[in-house]
Protein backbone atom coordinates (compact mmCIF):
# COMPACT_ATOMS: atom_id res chain seq x y z
CA UNK A 1 4.46 4.34 43.04
CA UNK A 2 6.39 7.17 44.73
CA UNK A 3 6.58 9.22 41.56
CA UNK A 4 6.16 12.54 43.38
CA UNK A 5 9.48 12.02 45.12
CA UNK A 6 11.37 12.25 41.84
CA UNK A 7 9.91 14.07 38.85
CA UNK A 8 11.65 13.67 35.50
CA UNK A 9 11.82 17.08 33.85
CA UNK A 10 11.85 16.00 30.22
CA UNK A 11 11.46 18.62 27.51
CA UNK A 12 9.28 17.31 24.69
CA UNK A 13 10.54 18.90 21.51
CA UNK A 14 8.18 16.93 19.29
CA UNK A 15 4.61 18.02 18.87
CA UNK A 16 1.27 16.51 17.87
CA UNK A 17 2.02 16.65 14.14
CA UNK A 18 5.23 14.70 14.80
CA UNK A 19 3.22 12.06 16.64
CA UNK A 20 0.68 11.81 13.80
CA UNK A 21 3.44 11.46 11.19
CA UNK A 22 5.09 8.84 13.38
CA UNK A 23 1.85 6.83 13.60
CA UNK A 24 1.17 7.17 9.87
CA UNK A 25 4.67 5.88 9.07
CA UNK A 26 4.45 3.08 11.63
CA UNK A 27 1.10 1.92 10.31
CA UNK A 28 2.28 2.31 6.69
CA UNK A 29 -0.86 4.15 5.64
CA UNK A 30 -1.38 6.76 2.93
CA UNK A 31 -1.10 10.27 4.32
CA UNK A 32 -3.82 11.34 1.85
CA UNK A 33 -6.19 8.60 3.05
CA UNK A 34 -5.70 8.45 6.82
CA UNK A 35 -7.74 5.74 8.61
CA UNK A 36 -8.90 8.32 11.12
CA UNK A 37 -10.48 5.89 13.61
CA UNK A 38 -7.33 3.75 13.91
CA UNK A 39 -4.95 6.72 14.08
CA UNK A 40 -7.15 8.53 16.62
CA UNK A 41 -7.24 5.45 18.86
CA UNK A 42 -3.45 5.13 18.77
CA UNK A 43 -2.95 8.87 19.29
CA UNK A 44 -5.11 8.75 22.42
CA UNK A 45 -3.17 5.70 23.65
CA UNK A 46 0.12 7.62 23.38
CA UNK A 47 -1.48 10.62 25.09
CA UNK A 48 -2.63 8.45 27.99
CA UNK A 49 0.84 6.93 28.32
CA UNK A 50 2.44 10.39 28.43
CA UNK A 51 -0.07 11.45 31.09
CA UNK A 52 0.62 8.31 33.13
CA UNK A 53 4.35 9.08 33.02
CA UNK A 54 3.57 12.65 34.09
CA UNK A 55 5.44 14.09 31.11
CA UNK A 56 4.81 17.71 30.25
CA UNK A 57 2.15 17.57 27.54
CA UNK A 58 1.83 20.81 25.62
CA UNK A 59 -1.63 22.21 25.00
CA UNK A 60 -1.19 21.51 21.29
CA UNK A 61 -1.46 17.77 21.98
CA UNK A 62 -4.84 18.25 23.64
CA UNK A 63 -6.07 20.52 20.83
CA UNK A 64 -5.04 17.90 18.25
CA UNK A 65 -6.85 15.19 20.24
CA UNK A 66 -10.03 17.29 20.10
CA UNK A 67 -9.51 17.88 16.37
CA UNK A 68 -9.13 14.16 15.71
CA UNK A 69 -12.26 13.36 17.70
CA UNK A 70 -14.20 15.99 15.76
CA UNK A 71 -12.98 14.61 12.40
CA UNK A 72 -13.81 11.08 13.54
CA UNK A 73 -17.36 12.08 14.48
CA UNK A 74 -17.86 13.87 11.14
CA UNK A 75 -16.55 10.85 9.25
CA UNK A 76 -19.19 8.69 10.92
CA UNK A 77 -21.97 10.87 9.53
CA UNK A 78 -23.40 9.88 6.13
CA UNK A 79 -22.73 12.41 3.36
CA UNK A 80 -26.39 13.46 3.21
CA UNK A 81 -26.42 14.21 6.96
CA UNK A 82 -23.33 16.38 6.60
CA UNK A 83 -25.08 18.28 3.81
CA UNK A 84 -28.11 18.88 6.03
CA UNK A 85 -25.79 20.34 8.66
CA UNK A 86 -24.55 22.80 6.06
CA UNK A 87 -21.10 21.20 5.74
CA UNK A 88 -19.35 21.09 2.41
CA UNK A 89 -18.69 17.84 0.57
CA UNK A 90 -14.95 18.23 1.22
CA UNK A 91 -13.35 15.33 3.09
CA UNK A 92 -13.31 16.25 6.83
CA UNK A 93 -9.67 15.08 6.93
CA UNK A 94 -8.46 17.45 4.22
CA UNK A 95 -7.36 20.38 6.41
CA UNK A 96 -5.39 18.02 8.64
CA UNK A 97 -3.83 16.34 5.61
CA UNK A 98 -2.68 19.71 4.26
CA UNK A 99 -1.08 20.54 7.62
CA UNK A 100 0.68 17.19 7.75
CA UNK A 101 1.99 17.38 4.18
CA UNK A 102 3.32 20.91 4.67
CA UNK A 103 4.92 19.98 8.01
CA UNK A 104 6.48 16.81 6.55
CA UNK A 105 8.06 18.84 3.72
CA UNK A 106 9.50 21.25 6.31
CA UNK A 107 10.88 18.36 8.40
CA UNK A 108 12.39 16.64 5.36
CA UNK A 109 14.18 19.83 4.28
CA UNK A 110 15.45 20.42 7.81
CA UNK A 111 16.71 16.82 8.05
CA UNK A 112 18.51 17.14 4.71
CA UNK A 113 20.17 20.40 5.77
CA UNK A 114 21.26 18.81 9.04
CA UNK A 115 22.67 15.81 7.18
CA UNK A 116 24.69 18.08 4.89
CA UNK A 117 25.95 20.07 7.87
CA UNK A 118 27.12 16.89 9.60
CA UNK A 119 28.78 15.68 6.41
CA UNK A 120 30.55 19.03 5.95
CA UNK A 121 31.94 18.82 9.49
CA UNK A 122 33.77 15.65 8.44
CA UNK A 123 35.38 17.19 5.34
CA UNK A 124 39.02 18.14 5.86
CA UNK A 125 40.25 21.29 4.15
CA UNK A 126 43.89 20.24 3.73
CA UNK A 127 45.50 16.85 3.07
CA UNK A 128 44.40 13.46 4.34
CA UNK A 129 42.63 10.59 2.68
CA UNK A 130 39.20 11.52 4.06
CA UNK A 131 38.62 14.62 1.94
CA UNK A 132 35.06 14.68 0.68
CA UNK A 133 34.30 11.19 1.95
CA UNK A 134 31.17 10.77 3.98
CA UNK A 135 31.82 8.80 7.19
CA UNK A 136 30.48 5.27 7.49
CA UNK A 137 26.87 5.11 8.61
CA UNK A 138 26.91 3.57 12.08
CA UNK A 139 23.15 3.40 12.50
CA UNK A 140 20.62 5.94 13.63
CA UNK A 141 21.82 8.69 15.95
CA UNK A 142 20.23 9.71 19.23
CA UNK A 143 17.89 12.26 17.65
CA UNK A 144 16.53 9.59 15.30
CA UNK A 145 15.13 7.61 18.24
CA UNK A 146 12.19 9.80 19.11
CA UNK A 147 10.29 10.01 22.36
CA UNK A 148 7.48 8.19 20.55
CA UNK A 149 9.81 5.27 19.73
CA UNK A 150 10.65 5.00 23.42
CA UNK A 151 6.99 5.24 24.47
CA UNK A 152 6.08 2.53 21.93
CA UNK A 153 8.77 0.21 23.35
CA UNK A 154 7.66 1.07 26.90
CA UNK A 155 4.04 0.27 26.04
CA UNK A 156 5.03 -3.13 24.66
CA UNK A 157 6.83 -3.96 27.91
CA UNK A 158 3.96 -2.58 30.02
CA UNK A 159 1.46 -4.86 28.28
CA UNK A 160 3.49 -7.84 29.49
CA UNK A 161 3.58 -6.56 33.08
CA UNK A 162 2.62 -8.82 35.94
CA UNK A 163 -1.09 -8.24 36.68
CA UNK A 164 -1.72 -6.60 40.02
CA UNK A 165 -4.32 -8.11 42.32
CA UNK A 166 -7.02 -5.78 43.59
CA UNK A 167 -6.16 -4.58 47.07
CA UNK A 168 -2.66 -6.07 46.91
CA UNK A 169 0.01 -4.09 48.78
CA UNK A 170 3.51 -4.56 47.42
CA UNK A 171 6.29 -5.04 49.97
CA UNK A 172 8.84 -3.56 47.58
CA UNK A 173 8.82 0.20 47.07
CA UNK A 174 10.33 1.14 43.71
CA UNK A 175 11.90 4.55 43.16
CA UNK A 176 13.34 6.26 40.10
CA UNK A 177 16.66 6.81 41.88
CA UNK A 178 16.96 3.09 42.64
CA UNK A 179 16.33 2.25 39.00
CA UNK A 180 18.89 4.85 37.87
CA UNK A 181 21.44 3.02 40.02
CA UNK A 182 20.42 -0.33 38.50
CA UNK A 183 20.72 0.99 34.93
CA UNK A 184 24.13 2.56 35.56
CA UNK A 185 25.35 -0.71 37.12
CA UNK A 186 24.30 -2.59 33.98
CA UNK A 187 25.97 0.00 31.76
CA UNK A 188 29.25 -0.22 33.66
CA UNK A 189 29.24 -4.00 33.38
CA UNK A 190 28.02 -4.45 29.79
CA UNK A 191 28.36 -1.08 28.02
CA UNK A 192 25.24 -1.79 25.95
CA UNK A 193 22.01 -3.78 26.15
CA UNK A 194 18.66 -4.02 24.41
CA UNK A 195 15.85 -1.85 25.79
CA UNK A 196 13.75 -4.88 26.74
CA UNK A 197 16.58 -6.37 28.82
CA UNK A 198 16.15 -3.67 31.46
CA UNK A 199 12.67 -4.97 32.27
CA UNK A 200 12.49 -8.36 33.95
CA UNK A 201 9.99 -10.93 32.76
CA UNK A 202 6.75 -10.50 34.67
CA UNK A 203 7.99 -7.34 36.41
CA UNK A 204 5.24 -5.35 38.20
CA UNK A 205 3.94 -2.15 36.63
CA UNK A 206 5.50 0.07 39.32
CA UNK A 207 8.97 -1.28 38.57
CA UNK A 208 8.51 -0.92 34.81
CA UNK A 209 7.33 2.69 35.12
CA UNK A 210 10.17 3.65 37.47
CA UNK A 211 12.74 1.98 35.20
CA UNK A 212 11.44 3.84 32.15
CA UNK A 213 11.43 7.20 33.96
CA UNK A 214 14.99 6.48 35.12
CA UNK A 215 15.97 5.79 31.53
CA UNK A 216 14.42 9.08 30.36
CA UNK A 217 16.33 10.94 33.07
CA UNK A 218 19.64 9.37 32.04
CA UNK A 219 18.92 10.24 28.39
CA UNK A 220 18.19 13.82 29.42
CA UNK A 221 21.49 13.95 31.31
CA UNK A 222 23.26 12.39 28.28
CA UNK A 223 24.52 9.51 30.39
CA UNK A 224 23.20 6.85 28.02
CA UNK A 225 22.87 6.77 24.24
CA UNK A 226 19.79 5.37 22.50
CA UNK A 227 20.12 3.89 19.01
CA UNK A 228 18.15 1.91 16.44
CA UNK A 229 19.55 0.08 13.43
CA UNK A 230 16.18 0.13 11.65
CA UNK A 231 13.12 2.38 11.91
CA UNK A 232 10.73 0.94 14.52
CA UNK A 233 13.30 -1.78 15.21
CA UNK A 234 14.84 -2.93 18.47
CA UNK A 235 16.19 -0.09 20.64
CA UNK A 236 19.69 -0.43 22.06
CA UNK A 237 20.91 1.43 25.14
CA UNK A 238 24.62 2.26 25.11
CA UNK A 239 26.83 3.64 27.87
CA UNK A 240 28.59 6.98 27.59
CA UNK A 241 32.04 7.34 29.10
CA UNK A 242 32.29 8.54 32.70
CA UNK A 243 28.64 8.17 33.81
CA UNK A 244 27.58 10.42 36.67
CA UNK A 245 27.16 9.14 40.19
CA UNK A 246 23.59 8.71 41.40
CA UNK A 247 24.10 11.47 43.96
CA UNK A 248 24.66 13.93 41.09
CA UNK A 249 21.51 12.93 39.17
CA UNK A 250 18.69 15.47 39.23
CA UNK A 251 20.92 18.27 40.52
């Protein structure tokens, strides 16, 4: 895949603790009793996907991966072996749990403050029937569809990709710019579509990867809007008025 010809410069604002909280919520597990082996496996899967997409992975993600592997190895040791190594009886997960709980409280407070700020922006000071009335909830906003939601949806599509034969040389050469054009054409014609509809049945891996990178670039440029009606539900891609021309993308 000619990925070097077009590199998507996507800023990842979410960190490793965000990814862990996302996985804990998705798996519906108790934050105080994390199934460390399952969560570590999924964390590494997301890390590998981000590496494959050549996204900028902060060093904190790698440090957290090492921490999870260390906790996993300690959890595999019987209690008596941990005692012989001079380790305390404290659950090896406890320090991580404390970090996650504290970070979740911070995120919840920040989300509540943001919600109140958005509500206040829709309160009119003088006259009108909308005074003090919170606007109708039209589903999750762009910031509520995280990068991890998109990577999860991408991974589901990738698992259904057409298997590539060893030594096979594809006649078609997919590029991110070509897929940006294809997405914008769909948006002009339909205005909105489900995430999965952008990936043809049995599409090759190269096409799927280029399409996803094109989608990330259009999100970065605020040319498409990404929404979910339910947490972890189907992702919808919506057009934004006056999309840019392909020639302007990446400039």
